[in-house]
């Protein structure tokens, strides 16, 4: 499973929880500097997160990488229209003439 794949190596050999905690913290990377955050523009943030999880451009997302490669485009729904409903065609009003 995923948790077993991402486990910290060497924890099995340590005697108590305190030693395991200290070993786990020592294995973690250093804190990122503010310059590293400024290198990634806001428009590319989602892509940067996916790259951090192992995704590569041109490959699908997921365990088997068999999904869609191109993102699904967002199509906004008309205001207050429920799921499964189709918009009603606009009604053409005929002008009424009043005799003088």
PDB file of N, CA and C in Angstrom:
ATOM      1  N   UNK A   1       0.817  -1.200   0.000  1.00  0.00           N
ATOM      2  CA  UNK A   1       0.000   0.000   0.000  1.00  0.00           C
ATOM      3  C   UNK A   1       0.863   1.268   0.000  1.00  0.00           C
ATOM      4  N   UNK A   2       0.207   2.387  -0.184  1.00  0.00           N
ATOM      5  CA  UNK A   2       0.898   3.665  -0.304  1.00  0.00           C
ATOM      6  C   UNK A   2       1.657   4.030   0.970  1.00  0.00           C
ATOM      7  N   UNK A   3       1.063   3.772   2.127  1.00  0.00           N
ATOM      8  CA  UNK A   3       1.751   4.109   3.376  1.00  0.00           C
ATOM      9  C   UNK A   3       3.027   3.293   3.554  1.00  0.00           C
ATOM     10  N   UNK A   4       3.005   2.050   3.140  1.00  0.00           N
ATOM     11  CA  UNK A   4       4.186   1.198   3.268  1.00  0.00           C
ATOM     12  C   UNK A   4       5.284   1.674   2.320  1.00  0.00           C
ATOM     13  N   UNK A   5       4.888   2.147   1.131  1.00  0.00           N
ATOM     14  CA  UNK A   5       5.860   2.628   0.148  1.00  0.00           C
ATOM     15  C   UNK A   5       6.537   3.916   0.627  1.00  0.00           C
ATOM     16  N   UNK A   6       5.815   4.760   1.368  1.00  0.00           N
ATOM     17  CA  UNK A   6       6.342   6.054   1.807  1.00  0.00           C
ATOM     18  C   UNK A   6       6.863   6.036   3.236  1.00  0.00           C
ATOM     19  N   UNK A   7       7.092   4.882   3.802  1.00  0.00           N
ATOM     20  CA  UNK A   7       7.549   4.801   5.191  1.00  0.00           C
ATOM     21  C   UNK A   7       8.992   5.304   5.302  1.00  0.00           C
ATOM     22  N   UNK A   8       9.348   5.728   6.503  1.00  0.00           N
ATOM     23  CA  UNK A   8      10.704   6.212   6.773  1.00  0.00           C
ATOM     24  C   UNK A   8      11.598   5.002   6.993  1.00  0.00           C
ATOM     25  N   UNK A   9      12.688   4.869   6.254  1.00  0.00           N
ATOM     26  CA  UNK A   9      13.563   3.702   6.437  1.00  0.00           C
ATOM     27  C   UNK A   9      14.307   3.760   7.769  1.00  0.00           C
ATOM     28  N   UNK A  10      14.476   2.609   8.385  1.00  0.00           N
ATOM     29  CA  UNK A  10      15.238   2.507   9.615  1.00  0.00           C
ATOM     30  C   UNK A  10      14.428   2.606  10.880  1.00  0.00           C
ATOM     31  N   UNK A  11      13.105   2.788  10.810  1.00  0.00           N
ATOM     32  CA  UNK A  11      12.292   2.910  12.020  1.00  0.00           C
ATOM     33  C   UNK A  11      12.139   1.573  12.746  1.00  0.00           C
ATOM     34  N   UNK A  12      12.216   0.473  12.020  1.00  0.00           N
ATOM     35  CA  UNK A  12      11.992  -0.834  12.633  1.00  0.00           C
ATOM     36  C   UNK A  12      13.078  -1.172  13.652  1.00  0.00           C
ATOM     37  N   UNK A  13      14.283  -0.637  13.472  1.00  0.00           N
ATOM     38  CA  UNK A  13      15.416  -0.972  14.329  1.00  0.00           C
ATOM     39  C   UNK A  13      15.479  -0.138  15.606  1.00  0.00           C
ATOM     40  N   UNK A  14      14.671   0.919  15.703  1.00  0.00           N
ATOM     41  CA  UNK A  14      14.748   1.811  16.866  1.00  0.00           C
ATOM     42  C   UNK A  14      13.894   1.278  18.012  1.00  0.00           C
ATOM     43  N   UNK A  15      14.362   1.494  19.263  1.00  0.00           N
ATOM     44  CA  UNK A  15      13.708   0.841  20.404  1.00  0.00           C
ATOM     45  C   UNK A  15      12.394   1.470  20.863  1.00  0.00           C
ATOM     46  N   UNK A  16      12.295   2.801  20.907  1.00  0.00           N
ATOM     47  CA  UNK A  16      11.079   3.401  21.474  1.00  0.00           C
ATOM     48  C   UNK A  16      10.521   4.493  20.550  1.00  0.00           C
ATOM     49  N   UNK A  17       9.349   4.989  20.918  1.00  0.00           N
ATOM     50  CA  UNK A  17       8.655   5.987  20.103  1.00  0.00           C
ATOM     51  C   UNK A  17       9.426   7.304  20.009  1.00  0.00           C
ATOM     52  N   UNK A  18      10.083   7.691  21.086  1.00  0.00           N
ATOM     53  CA  UNK A  18      10.836   8.941  21.086  1.00  0.00           C
ATOM     54  C   UNK A  18      11.989   8.877  20.078  1.00  0.00           C
ATOM     55  N   UNK A  19      12.699   7.776  20.045  1.00  0.00           N
ATOM     56  CA  UNK A  19      13.798   7.617  19.093  1.00  0.00           C
ATOM     57  C   UNK A  19      13.265   7.567  17.662  1.00  0.00           C
ATOM     58  N   UNK A  20      12.122   6.924  17.467  1.00  0.00           N
ATOM     59  CA  UNK A  20      11.513   6.862  16.129  1.00  0.00           C
ATOM     60  C   UNK A  20      11.108   8.252  15.664  1.00  0.00           C
ATOM     61  N   UNK A  21      10.542   9.049  16.576  1.00  0.00           N
ATOM     62  CA  UNK A  21      10.137  10.412  16.233  1.00  0.00           C
ATOM     63  C   UNK A  21      11.346  11.255  15.843  1.00  0.00           C
ATOM     64  N   UNK A  22      12.407  11.190  16.634  1.00  0.00           N
ATOM     65  CA  UNK A  22      13.609  11.976  16.345  1.00  0.00           C
ATOM     66  C   UNK A  22      14.236  11.561  15.007  1.00  0.00           C
ATOM     67  N   UNK A  23      14.242  10.267  14.730  1.00  0.00           N
ATOM     68  CA  UNK A  23      14.772   9.775  13.455  1.00  0.00           C
ATOM     69  C   UNK A  23      13.922  10.271  12.284  1.00  0.00           C
ATOM     70  N   UNK A  24      12.598  10.238  12.444  1.00  0.00           N
ATOM     71  CA  UNK A  24      11.686  10.694  11.395  1.00  0.00           C
ATOM     72  C   UNK A  24      11.894  12.174  11.110  1.00  0.00           C
ATOM     73  N   UNK A  25      12.009  12.990  12.158  1.00  0.00           N
ATOM     74  CA  UNK A  25      12.204  14.435  11.982  1.00  0.00           C
ATOM     75  C   UNK A  25      13.562  14.727  11.346  1.00  0.00           C
ATOM     76  N   UNK A  26      14.568  13.956  11.687  1.00  0.00           N
ATOM     77  CA  UNK A  26      15.897  14.171  11.121  1.00  0.00           C
ATOM     78  C   UNK A  26      15.929  13.853   9.626  1.00  0.00           C
ATOM     79  N   UNK A  27      15.050  12.977   9.158  1.00  0.00           N
ATOM     80  CA  UNK A  27      15.008  12.592   7.751  1.00  0.00           C
ATOM     81  C   UNK A  27      14.286  13.615   6.874  1.00  0.00           C
ATOM     82  N   UNK A  28      13.538  14.508   7.473  1.00  0.00           N
ATOM     83  CA  UNK A  28      12.737  15.464   6.700  1.00  0.00           C
ATOM     84  C   UNK A  28      13.624  16.534   6.065  1.00  0.00           C
ATOM     85  N   UNK A  29      13.200  17.100   4.907  1.00  0.00           N
ATOM     86  CA  UNK A  29      14.014  18.136   4.254  1.00  0.00           C
ATOM     87  C   UNK A  29      13.977  19.449   5.037  1.00  0.00           C
ATOM     88  N   UNK A  30      14.949  20.313   4.746  1.00  0.00           N
ATOM     89  CA  UNK A  30      15.006  21.621   5.387  1.00  0.00           C
ATOM     90  C   UNK A  30      13.820  22.465   4.937  1.00  0.00           C
ATOM     91  N   UNK A  31      13.531  23.486   5.718  1.00  0.00           N
ATOM     92  CA  UNK A  31      12.435  24.389   5.395  1.00  0.00           C
ATOM     93  C   UNK A  31      12.776  25.179   4.126  1.00  0.00           C
ATOM     94  N   UNK A  32      11.793  25.350   3.259  1.00  0.00           N
ATOM     95  CA  UNK A  32      12.011  26.060   1.999  1.00  0.00           C
ATOM     96  C   UNK A  32      12.126  27.564   2.249  1.00  0.00           C
ATOM     97  N   UNK A  33      12.998  28.215   1.502  1.00  0.00           N
ATOM     98  CA  UNK A  33      13.177  29.662   1.610  1.00  0.00           C
ATOM     99  C   UNK A  33      12.105  30.365   0.779  1.00  0.00           C
ATOM    100  N   UNK A  34      11.862  31.622   1.074  1.00  0.00           N
ATOM    101  CA  UNK A  34      10.833  32.393   0.373  1.00  0.00           C
ATOM    102  C   UNK A  34      11.160  32.538  -1.108  1.00  0.00           C
ATOM    103  N   UNK A  35      12.442  32.531  -1.465  1.00  0.00           N
ATOM    104  CA  UNK A  35      12.823  32.652  -2.872  1.00  0.00           C
ATOM    105  C   UNK A  35      12.300  31.467  -3.683  1.00  0.00           C
ATOM    106  N   UNK A  36      12.250  30.296  -3.074  1.00  0.00           N
ATOM    107  CA  UNK A  36      11.743  29.105  -3.773  1.00  0.00           C
ATOM    108  C   UNK A  36      10.261  29.269  -4.105  1.00  0.00           C
ATOM    109  N   UNK A  37       9.491  29.886  -3.212  1.00  0.00           N
ATOM    110  CA  UNK A  37       8.073  30.103  -3.465  1.00  0.00           C
ATOM    111  C   UNK A  37       7.864  31.134  -4.574  1.00  0.00           C
ATOM    112  N   UNK A  38       8.714  32.136  -4.612  1.00  0.00           N
ATOM    113  CA  UNK A  38       8.559  33.178  -5.613  1.00  0.00           C
ATOM    114  C   UNK A  38       8.973  32.710  -7.006  1.00  0.00           C
ATOM    115  N   UNK A  39       9.716  31.609  -7.105  1.00  0.00           N
ATOM    116  CA  UNK A  39      10.109  31.076  -8.406  1.00  0.00           C
ATOM    117  C   UNK A  39       8.926  30.495  -9.177  1.00  0.00           C
ATOM    118  N   UNK A  40       7.901  30.041  -8.471  1.00  0.00           N
ATOM    119  CA  UNK A  40       6.742  29.415  -9.111  1.00  0.00           C
ATOM    120  C   UNK A  40       5.624  30.443  -9.206  1.00  0.00           C
ATOM    121  N   UNK A  41       5.219  30.842 -10.421  1.00  0.00           N
ATOM    122  CA  UNK A  41       4.123  31.793 -10.546  1.00  0.00           C
ATOM    123  C   UNK A  41       2.797  31.165 -10.095  1.00  0.00           C
ATOM    124  N   UNK A  42       1.857  31.990  -9.712  1.00  0.00           N
ATOM    125  CA  UNK A  42       0.571  31.519  -9.214  1.00  0.00           C
ATOM    126  C   UNK A  42      -0.134  30.647 -10.260  1.00  0.00           C
ATOM    127  N   UNK A  43       0.014  30.980 -11.542  1.00  0.00           N
ATOM    128  CA  UNK A  43      -0.657  30.238 -12.602  1.00  0.00           C
ATOM    129  C   UNK A  43      -0.127  28.806 -12.707  1.00  0.00           C
ATOM    130  N   UNK A  44       1.087  28.572 -12.254  1.00  0.00           N
ATOM    131  CA  UNK A  44       1.719  27.256 -12.362  1.00  0.00           C
ATOM    132  C   UNK A  44       1.710  26.479 -11.040  1.00  0.00           C
ATOM    133  N   UNK A  45       0.981  26.968 -10.040  1.00  0.00           N
ATOM    134  CA  UNK A  45       1.030  26.344  -8.721  1.00  0.00           C
ATOM    135  C   UNK A  45       0.492  24.918  -8.741  1.00  0.00           C
ATOM    136  N   UNK A  46      -0.653  24.705  -9.381  1.00  0.00           N
ATOM    137  CA  UNK A  46      -1.236  23.363  -9.437  1.00  0.00           C
ATOM    138  C   UNK A  46      -0.320  22.373 -10.134  1.00  0.00           C
ATOM    139  N   UNK A  47       0.303  22.808 -11.209  1.00  0.00           N
ATOM    140  CA  UNK A  47       1.243  21.949 -11.932  1.00  0.00           C
ATOM    141  C   UNK A  47       2.447  21.621 -11.062  1.00  0.00           C
ATOM    142  N   UNK A  48       2.899  22.598 -10.277  1.00  0.00           N
ATOM    143  CA  UNK A  48       4.041  22.361  -9.393  1.00  0.00           C
ATOM    144  C   UNK A  48       3.687  21.352  -8.306  1.00  0.00           C
ATOM    145  N   UNK A  49       2.469  21.407  -7.787  1.00  0.00           N
ATOM    146  CA  UNK A  49       2.032  20.445  -6.773  1.00  0.00           C
ATOM    147  C   UNK A  49       2.001  19.046  -7.371  1.00  0.00           C
ATOM    148  N   UNK A  50       1.445  18.914  -8.577  1.00  0.00           N
ATOM    149  CA  UNK A  50       1.388  17.601  -9.224  1.00  0.00           C
ATOM    150  C   UNK A  50       2.790  17.061  -9.517  1.00  0.00           C
ATOM    151  N   UNK A  51       3.700  17.924  -9.951  1.00  0.00           N
ATOM    152  CA  UNK A  51       5.077  17.478 -10.195  1.00  0.00           C
ATOM    153  C   UNK A  51       5.717  16.979  -8.908  1.00  0.00           C
ATOM    154  N   UNK A  52       5.404  17.632  -7.800  1.00  0.00           N
ATOM    155  CA  UNK A  52       5.929  17.199  -6.514  1.00  0.00           C
ATOM    156  C   UNK A  52       5.423  15.825  -6.113  1.00  0.00           C
ATOM    157  N   UNK A  53       4.281  15.420  -6.647  1.00  0.00           N
ATOM    158  CA  UNK A  53       3.709  14.102  -6.353  1.00  0.00           C
ATOM    159  C   UNK A  53       4.122  13.055  -7.377  1.00  0.00           C
ATOM    160  N   UNK A  54       5.013  13.429  -8.308  1.00  0.00           N
ATOM    161  CA  UNK A  54       5.523  12.442  -9.257  1.00  0.00           C
ATOM    162  C   UNK A  54       4.947  12.526 -10.657  1.00  0.00           C
ATOM    163  N   UNK A  55       4.056  13.470 -10.922  1.00  0.00           N
ATOM    164  CA  UNK A  55       3.461  13.593 -12.254  1.00  0.00           C
ATOM    165  C   UNK A  55       4.466  14.218 -13.209  1.00  0.00           C
ATOM    166  N   UNK A  56       4.430  13.804 -14.455  1.00  0.00           N
ATOM    167  CA  UNK A  56       5.272  14.376 -15.500  1.00  0.00           C
ATOM    168  C   UNK A  56       4.382  14.855 -16.643  1.00  0.00           C
ATOM    169  N   UNK A  57       4.733  15.979 -17.295  1.00  0.00           N
ATOM    170  CA  UNK A  57       3.920  16.474 -18.410  1.00  0.00           C
ATOM    171  C   UNK A  57       3.784  15.422 -19.512  1.00  0.00           C
ATOM    172  N   UNK A  58       2.564  15.283 -20.035  1.00  0.00           N
ATOM    173  CA  UNK A  58       2.301  14.317 -21.096  1.00  0.00           C
ATOM    174  C   UNK A  58       1.861  12.960 -20.591  1.00  0.00           C
ATOM    175  N   UNK A  59       1.869  12.758 -19.279  1.00  0.00           N
ATOM    176  CA  UNK A  59       1.427  11.486 -18.705  1.00  0.00           C
ATOM    177  C   UNK A  59       0.117  11.696 -17.962  1.00  0.00           C
ATOM    178  N   UNK A  60      -0.666  10.640 -17.868  1.00  0.00           N
ATOM    179  CA  UNK A  60      -1.941  10.715 -17.162  1.00  0.00           C
ATOM    180  C   UNK A  60      -1.708  10.662 -15.658  1.00  0.00           C
ATOM    181  N   UNK A  61      -2.713  11.097 -14.908  1.00  0.00           N
ATOM    182  CA  UNK A  61      -2.648  11.079 -13.456  1.00  0.00           C
ATOM    183  C   UNK A  61      -3.243   9.767 -12.962  1.00  0.00           C
ATOM    184  N   UNK A  62      -2.691   9.200 -11.915  1.00  0.00           N
ATOM    185  CA  UNK A  62      -3.246   8.002 -11.301  1.00  0.00           C
ATOM    186  C   UNK A  62      -2.217   6.899 -11.167  1.00  0.00           C
ATOM    187  N   UNK A  63      -2.642   5.838 -10.477  1.00  0.00           N
ATOM    188  CA  UNK A  63      -1.735   4.734 -10.207  1.00  0.00           C
ATOM    189  C   UNK A  63      -1.285   4.052 -11.495  1.00  0.00           C
ATOM    190  N   UNK A  64      -2.231   3.778 -12.405  1.00  0.00           N
ATOM    191  CA  UNK A  64      -1.918   3.069 -13.641  1.00  0.00           C
ATOM    192  C   UNK A  64      -1.601   3.994 -14.808  1.00  0.00           C
ATOM    193  N   UNK A  65      -1.795   5.280 -14.620  1.00  0.00           N
ATOM    194  CA  UNK A  65      -1.560   6.303 -15.651  1.00  0.00           C
ATOM    195  C   UNK A  65      -2.284   5.980 -16.954  1.00  0.00           C
ATOM    196  N   UNK A  66      -3.552   5.567 -16.827  1.00  0.00           N
ATOM    197  CA  UNK A  66      -4.352   5.250 -18.010  1.00  0.00           C
ATOM    198  C   UNK A  66      -5.478   6.249 -18.210  1.00  0.00           C
ATOM    199  N   UNK A  67      -5.531   7.290 -17.418  1.00  0.00           N
ATOM    200  CA  UNK A  67      -6.617   8.263 -17.511  1.00  0.00           C
ATOM    201  C   UNK A  67      -6.391   9.266 -18.624  1.00  0.00           C
ATOM    202  N   UNK A  68      -7.157  10.347 -18.557  1.00  0.00           N
ATOM    203  CA  UNK A  68      -7.055  11.417 -19.545  1.00  0.00           C
ATOM    204  C   UNK A  68      -5.751  12.182 -19.358  1.00  0.00           C
ATOM    205  N   UNK A  69      -5.144  12.559 -20.471  1.00  0.00           N
ATOM    206  CA  UNK A  69      -3.922  13.351 -20.405  1.00  0.00           C
ATOM    207  C   UNK A  69      -4.274  14.834 -20.437  1.00  0.00           C
ATOM    208  N   UNK A  70      -5.233  15.208 -21.274  1.00  0.00           N
ATOM    209  CA  UNK A  70      -5.665  16.602 -21.365  1.00  0.00           C
ATOM    210  C   UNK A  70      -6.659  16.902 -20.246  1.00  0.00           C
ATOM    211  N   UNK A  71      -6.598  18.085 -19.652  1.00  0.00           N
ATOM    212  CA  UNK A  71      -7.539  18.421 -18.575  1.00  0.00           C
ATOM    213  C   UNK A  71      -8.964  18.584 -19.104  1.00  0.00           C
ATOM    214  N   UNK A  72      -9.929  18.325 -18.238  1.00  0.00           N
ATOM    215  CA  UNK A  72     -11.337  18.515 -18.580  1.00  0.00           C
ATOM    216  C   UNK A  72     -11.630  20.007 -18.472  1.00  0.00           C
ATOM    217  N   UNK A  73     -12.196  20.570 -19.526  1.00  0.00           N
ATOM    218  CA  UNK A  73     -12.454  22.007 -19.544  1.00  0.00           C
ATOM    219  C   UNK A  73     -13.740  22.324 -18.792  1.00  0.00           C
ATOM    220  N   UNK A  74     -13.714  23.364 -18.000  1.00  0.00           N
ATOM    221  CA  UNK A  74     -14.877  23.797 -17.230  1.00  0.00           C
ATOM    222  C   UNK A  74     -15.843  24.547 -18.140  1.00  0.00           C
ATOM    223  N   UNK A  75     -17.100  24.112 -18.135  1.00  0.00           N
ATOM    224  CA  UNK A  75     -18.150  24.793 -18.889  1.00  0.00           C
ATOM    225  C   UNK A  75     -19.172  25.286 -17.871  1.00  0.00           C
ATOM    226  N   UNK A  76     -19.286  26.607 -17.670  1.00  0.00           N
ATOM    227  CA  UNK A  76     -20.220  27.103 -16.656  1.00  0.00           C
ATOM    228  C   UNK A  76     -21.671  26.823 -17.036  1.00  0.00           C
ATOM    229  N   UNK A  77     -22.480  26.544 -16.030  1.00  0.00           N
ATOM    230  CA  UNK A  77     -23.907  26.277 -16.243  1.00  0.00           C
ATOM    231  C   UNK A  77     -24.657  27.610 -16.202  1.00  0.00           C
ATOM    232  N   UNK A  78     -25.778  27.692 -16.918  1.00  0.00           N
ATOM    233  CA  UNK A  78     -26.594  28.914 -16.822  1.00  0.00           C
ATOM    234  C   UNK A  78     -27.065  29.127 -15.379  1.00  0.00           C
ATOM    235  N   UNK A  79     -27.310  30.352 -15.023  1.00  0.00           N
ATOM    236  CA  UNK A  79     -27.675  30.725 -13.657  1.00  0.00           C
ATOM    237  C   UNK A  79     -28.903  29.955 -13.182  1.00  0.00           C
ATOM    238  N   UNK A  80     -28.794  29.343 -12.025  1.00  0.00           N
ATOM    239  CA  UNK A  80     -29.876  28.639 -11.318  1.00  0.00           C
ATOM    240  C   UNK A  80     -30.440  27.460 -12.109  1.00  0.00           C
ATOM    241  N   UNK A  81     -29.661  26.852 -12.959  1.00  0.00           N
ATOM    242  CA  UNK A  81     -30.106  25.692 -13.721  1.00  0.00           C
ATOM    243  C   UNK A  81     -29.591  24.442 -13.018  1.00  0.00           C
ATOM    244  N   UNK A  82     -30.491  23.513 -12.676  1.00  0.00           N
ATOM    245  CA  UNK A  82     -30.124  22.315 -11.931  1.00  0.00           C
ATOM    246  C   UNK A  82     -29.421  21.289 -12.793  1.00  0.00           C
ATOM    247  N   UNK A  83     -28.870  20.265 -12.133  1.00  0.00           N
ATOM    248  CA  UNK A  83     -28.184  19.195 -12.853  1.00  0.00           C
ATOM    249  C   UNK A  83     -29.174  18.417 -13.707  1.00  0.00           C
ATOM    250  N   UNK A  84     -28.800  18.124 -14.920  1.00  0.00           N
ATOM    251  CA  UNK A  84     -29.656  17.363 -15.826  1.00  0.00           C
ATOM    252  C   UNK A  84     -30.670  18.217 -16.569  1.00  0.00           C
ATOM    253  N   UNK A  85     -30.802  19.466 -16.211  1.00  0.00           N
ATOM    254  CA  UNK A  85     -31.776  20.345 -16.871  1.00  0.00           C
ATOM    255  C   UNK A  85     -31.141  20.988 -18.098  1.00  0.00           C
ATOM    256  N   UNK A  86     -31.972  21.261 -19.078  1.00  0.00           N
ATOM    257  CA  UNK A  86     -31.497  21.968 -20.266  1.00  0.00           C
ATOM    258  C   UNK A  86     -32.143  23.345 -20.293  1.00  0.00           C
ATOM    259  N   UNK A  87     -31.426  24.330 -20.773  1.00  0.00           N
ATOM    260  CA  UNK A  87     -32.000  25.675 -20.800  1.00  0.00           C
ATOM    261  C   UNK A  87     -33.200  25.750 -21.743  1.00  0.00           C
ATOM    262  N   UNK A  88     -34.197  26.495 -21.332  1.00  0.00           N
ATOM    263  CA  UNK A  88     -35.403  26.676 -22.129  1.00  0.00           C
ATOM    264  C   UNK A  88     -35.131  27.704 -23.224  1.00  0.00           C
ATOM    265  N   UNK A  89     -35.673  27.434 -24.403  1.00  0.00           N
ATOM    266  CA  UNK A  89     -35.496  28.367 -25.515  1.00  0.00           C
ATOM    267  C   UNK A  89     -36.194  29.680 -25.181  1.00  0.00           C
ATOM    268  N   UNK A  90     -35.586  30.806 -25.556  1.00  0.00           N
ATOM    269  CA  UNK A  90     -36.221  32.091 -25.250  1.00  0.00           C
ATOM    270  C   UNK A  90     -37.548  32.241 -26.006  1.00  0.00           C
ATOM    271  N   UNK A  91     -38.544  32.743 -25.286  1.00  0.00           N
ATOM    272  CA  UNK A  91     -39.865  32.927 -25.896  1.00  0.00           C
ATOM    273  C   UNK A  91     -39.884  34.221 -26.699  1.00  0.00           C
ATOM    274  N   UNK A  92     -40.500  34.137 -27.864  1.00  0.00           N
ATOM    275  CA  UNK A  92     -40.652  35.316 -28.706  1.00  0.00           C
ATOM    276  C   UNK A  92     -42.022  35.906 -28.418  1.00  0.00           C
ATOM    277  N   UNK A  93     -42.036  37.120 -27.916  1.00  0.00           N
ATOM    278  CA  UNK A  93     -43.309  37.769 -27.580  1.00  0.00           C
ATOM    279  C   UNK A  93     -43.806  38.549 -28.790  1.00  0.00           C
ATOM    280  N   UNK A  94     -45.076  38.359 -29.057  1.00  0.00           N
ATOM    281  CA  UNK A  94     -45.678  39.111 -30.167  1.00  0.00           C
ATOM    282  C   UNK A  94     -46.249  40.403 -29.609  1.00  0.00           C
ATOM    283  N   UNK A  95     -46.128  41.448 -30.394  1.00  0.00           N
ATOM    284  CA  UNK A  95     -46.625  42.745 -29.959  1.00  0.00           C
ATOM    285  C   UNK A  95     -48.135  42.780 -30.113  1.00  0.00           C
ATOM    286  N   UNK A  96     -48.790  43.344 -29.144  1.00  0.00           N
ATOM    287  CA  UNK A  96     -50.248  43.490 -29.214  1.00  0.00           C
ATOM    288  C   UNK A  96     -50.540  44.918 -29.655  1.00  0.00           C
ATOM    289  N   UNK A  97     -51.423  45.026 -30.608  1.00  0.00           N
ATOM    290  CA  UNK A  97     -51.801  46.346 -31.109  1.00  0.00           C
ATOM    291  C   UNK A  97     -53.161  46.721 -30.513  1.00  0.00           C
ATOM    292  N   UNK A  98     -53.225  47.892 -30.000  1.00  0.00           N
ATOM    293  CA  UNK A  98     -54.476  48.417 -29.425  1.00  0.00           C
ATOM    294  C   UNK A  98     -55.051  49.415 -30.426  1.00  0.00           C
ATOM    295  N   UNK A  99     -56.348  49.226 -30.717  1.00  0.00           N
ATOM    296  CA  UNK A  99     -56.998  50.168 -31.633  1.00  0.00           C
ATOM    297  C   UNK A  99     -57.246  51.491 -30.901  1.00  0.00           C
ATOM    298  N   UNK A 100     -57.001  52.584 -31.587  1.00  0.00           N
ATOM    299  CA  UNK A 100     -57.235  53.870 -30.943  1.00  0.00           C
ATOM    300  C   UNK A 100     -58.691  54.277 -30.898  1.00  0.00           C
TER     301      UNK A 100
END
